[in-house]
Structures are given as C-alpha cells and as structure tokens.
Amino acid sequence: MKVAGGQAEDGIVIGNTYDKYGTRNLIARRMVAGFDGALSGLVAKVGPATIHEVGCGEG
C-alpha cells in the first residue's frame, strides 16, 4: 500500500494516509474516477454560484 504521509499529532497519524488519487490500484482508480465524474456532472447540472467544503472526510 502506498502511504501519502499524513500529519501526526502526539505520535498519532491524523487524516488520510492512503493516496487514493496517486494509487496504481486499478479498482481504486476506477472508483475515484467514478466519484469525480459523478460530482462534476452534478455540479455542471446544478450550476451553483459557490461551493463550500464541510470536511466530512471519507464518511
């Protein structure tokens, strides 16, 4: 597994440590591409004036 790094807080790694955008795993790449395509299509269809990231993570 490729590890992207991540920040540590008191010796505990926080945040995402798997580089899902840089992985060579074909299944993971296909899933990320599907999500990106669906999100881009939704944004294009709705046409929002602004987009706010709420930080829900992988949830």
N, C-alpha and C. Protein backbone atom coordinates (compact mmCIF):
# COMPACT_ATOMS: atom_id res chain seq x y z
N MET A 1 0.85 -1.18 0.00
CA MET A 1 0.00 0.00 0.00
C MET A 1 0.89 1.23 0.00
N LYS A 2 0.55 2.20 -0.81
CA LYS A 2 1.29 3.45 -0.88
C LYS A 2 0.76 4.39 0.20
N VAL A 3 1.65 4.97 0.96
CA VAL A 3 1.26 5.87 2.04
C VAL A 3 1.60 7.30 1.65
N ALA A 4 0.63 8.20 1.75
CA ALA A 4 0.83 9.59 1.34
C ALA A 4 1.54 10.40 2.41
N GLY A 5 1.64 9.89 3.60
CA GLY A 5 2.30 10.66 4.66
C GLY A 5 1.33 10.92 5.78
N GLY A 6 0.72 12.05 5.76
CA GLY A 6 -0.21 12.41 6.82
C GLY A 6 0.50 13.15 7.94
N GLN A 7 -0.23 13.87 8.68
CA GLN A 7 0.31 14.62 9.80
C GLN A 7 0.17 13.79 11.07
N ALA A 8 1.07 14.02 11.99
CA ALA A 8 0.99 13.32 13.27
C ALA A 8 0.73 14.33 14.38
N GLU A 9 -0.09 13.91 15.30
CA GLU A 9 -0.41 14.74 16.47
C GLU A 9 -0.21 13.86 17.69
N ASP A 10 0.74 14.22 18.52
CA ASP A 10 1.10 13.42 19.69
C ASP A 10 1.44 11.98 19.31
N GLY A 11 2.12 11.81 18.17
CA GLY A 11 2.54 10.49 17.73
C GLY A 11 1.48 9.68 17.02
N ILE A 12 0.28 10.23 16.86
CA ILE A 12 -0.82 9.53 16.21
C ILE A 12 -1.06 10.17 14.85
N VAL A 13 -1.04 9.36 13.80
CA VAL A 13 -1.27 9.89 12.46
C VAL A 13 -2.73 10.30 12.32
N ILE A 14 -2.95 11.52 11.85
CA ILE A 14 -4.31 12.03 11.66
C ILE A 14 -4.55 12.26 10.18
N GLY A 15 -5.76 12.19 9.76
CA GLY A 15 -6.10 12.43 8.37
C GLY A 15 -5.93 11.19 7.52
N ASN A 16 -6.11 11.36 6.23
CA ASN A 16 -5.99 10.24 5.29
C ASN A 16 -4.52 9.95 5.04
N THR A 17 -4.14 8.69 5.06
CA THR A 17 -2.76 8.32 4.78
C THR A 17 -2.65 7.53 3.49
N TYR A 18 -3.74 7.15 2.87
CA TYR A 18 -3.73 6.40 1.62
C TYR A 18 -3.92 7.38 0.47
N ASP A 19 -3.00 7.39 -0.46
CA ASP A 19 -3.06 8.31 -1.61
C ASP A 19 -4.00 7.76 -2.67
N LYS A 20 -5.28 8.03 -2.51
CA LYS A 20 -6.27 7.48 -3.44
C LYS A 20 -6.20 8.13 -4.82
N TYR A 21 -5.63 9.30 -4.93
CA TYR A 21 -5.50 9.96 -6.23
C TYR A 21 -4.24 9.53 -6.97
N GLY A 22 -3.25 9.01 -6.25
CA GLY A 22 -2.00 8.60 -6.87
C GLY A 22 -1.78 7.10 -6.89
N THR A 23 -2.77 6.33 -6.47
CA THR A 23 -2.61 4.88 -6.40
C THR A 23 -2.52 4.26 -7.80
N ARG A 24 -1.84 3.14 -7.88
CA ARG A 24 -1.76 2.38 -9.13
C ARG A 24 -2.81 1.27 -9.14
N ASN A 25 -3.56 1.10 -8.05
CA ASN A 25 -4.59 0.08 -7.96
C ASN A 25 -5.74 0.44 -8.91
N LEU A 26 -5.97 -0.43 -9.89
CA LEU A 26 -6.96 -0.12 -10.93
C LEU A 26 -8.38 0.00 -10.40
N ILE A 27 -8.72 -0.81 -9.41
CA ILE A 27 -10.07 -0.73 -8.83
C ILE A 27 -10.26 0.59 -8.10
N ALA A 28 -9.28 0.97 -7.29
CA ALA A 28 -9.37 2.25 -6.57
C ALA A 28 -9.39 3.42 -7.54
N ARG A 29 -8.60 3.35 -8.59
CA ARG A 29 -8.60 4.43 -9.58
C ARG A 29 -9.95 4.55 -10.26
N ARG A 30 -10.57 3.42 -10.56
CA ARG A 30 -11.89 3.43 -11.21
C ARG A 30 -12.95 4.02 -10.28
N MET A 31 -12.87 3.67 -9.00
CA MET A 31 -13.84 4.21 -8.03
C MET A 31 -13.68 5.72 -7.88
N VAL A 32 -12.46 6.19 -7.79
CA VAL A 32 -12.21 7.63 -7.65
C VAL A 32 -12.66 8.36 -8.92
N ALA A 33 -12.37 7.78 -10.08
CA ALA A 33 -12.80 8.40 -11.34
C ALA A 33 -14.32 8.46 -11.43
N GLY A 34 -14.99 7.40 -10.97
CA GLY A 34 -16.45 7.41 -10.97
C GLY A 34 -17.03 8.49 -10.07
N PHE A 35 -16.43 8.62 -8.88
CA PHE A 35 -16.89 9.67 -7.95
C PHE A 35 -16.65 11.05 -8.54
N ASP A 36 -15.44 11.27 -9.06
CA ASP A 36 -15.13 12.58 -9.64
C ASP A 36 -16.06 12.92 -10.80
N GLY A 37 -16.33 11.92 -11.64
CA GLY A 37 -17.23 12.16 -12.77
C GLY A 37 -18.65 12.47 -12.33
N ALA A 38 -19.14 11.73 -11.33
CA ALA A 38 -20.49 11.97 -10.83
C ALA A 38 -20.60 13.35 -10.18
N LEU A 39 -19.59 13.71 -9.41
CA LEU A 39 -19.60 15.02 -8.74
C LEU A 39 -19.52 16.14 -9.77
N SER A 40 -18.64 16.00 -10.75
CA SER A 40 -18.52 17.02 -11.79
C SER A 40 -19.81 17.17 -12.57
N GLY A 41 -20.46 16.04 -12.88
CA GLY A 41 -21.73 16.10 -13.59
C GLY A 41 -22.82 16.78 -12.78
N LEU A 42 -22.86 16.51 -11.49
CA LEU A 42 -23.84 17.14 -10.62
C LEU A 42 -23.62 18.65 -10.53
N VAL A 43 -22.37 19.04 -10.37
CA VAL A 43 -22.05 20.47 -10.28
C VAL A 43 -22.42 21.17 -11.58
N ALA A 44 -22.11 20.55 -12.71
CA ALA A 44 -22.45 21.14 -14.01
C ALA A 44 -23.97 21.26 -14.18
N LYS A 45 -24.70 20.25 -13.72
CA LYS A 45 -26.16 20.26 -13.86
C LYS A 45 -26.82 21.31 -12.97
N VAL A 46 -26.34 21.42 -11.74
CA VAL A 46 -26.95 22.33 -10.77
C VAL A 46 -26.48 23.77 -10.98
N GLY A 47 -25.19 23.94 -11.32
CA GLY A 47 -24.66 25.29 -11.58
C GLY A 47 -24.63 26.19 -10.36
N PRO A 48 -24.07 25.73 -9.24
CA PRO A 48 -24.06 26.58 -8.04
C PRO A 48 -23.15 27.80 -8.21
N ALA A 49 -23.48 28.87 -7.50
CA ALA A 49 -22.64 30.07 -7.53
C ALA A 49 -21.39 29.87 -6.70
N THR A 50 -21.50 29.12 -5.60
CA THR A 50 -20.35 28.83 -4.74
C THR A 50 -20.45 27.39 -4.24
N ILE A 51 -19.32 26.85 -3.84
CA ILE A 51 -19.27 25.51 -3.26
C ILE A 51 -18.50 25.61 -1.97
N HIS A 52 -19.03 25.04 -0.89
CA HIS A 52 -18.37 25.05 0.42
C HIS A 52 -18.06 23.63 0.84
N GLU A 53 -16.82 23.37 1.17
CA GLU A 53 -16.38 22.04 1.62
C GLU A 53 -16.58 21.98 3.12
N VAL A 54 -17.32 20.98 3.58
CA VAL A 54 -17.66 20.90 5.00
C VAL A 54 -16.77 19.94 5.78
N GLY A 55 -15.85 19.27 5.11
CA GLY A 55 -14.89 18.42 5.81
C GLY A 55 -15.47 17.15 6.40
N CYS A 56 -16.34 16.46 5.69
CA CYS A 56 -16.92 15.23 6.22
C CYS A 56 -15.99 14.03 6.01
N GLY A 57 -14.90 14.21 5.31
CA GLY A 57 -13.93 13.15 5.11
C GLY A 57 -14.48 12.03 4.26
N GLU A 58 -14.07 10.81 4.57
CA GLU A 58 -14.49 9.65 3.80
C GLU A 58 -15.89 9.19 4.16
N GLY A 59 -16.48 9.82 5.17
CA GLY A 59 -17.76 9.40 5.72
C GLY A 59 -18.87 9.32 4.75
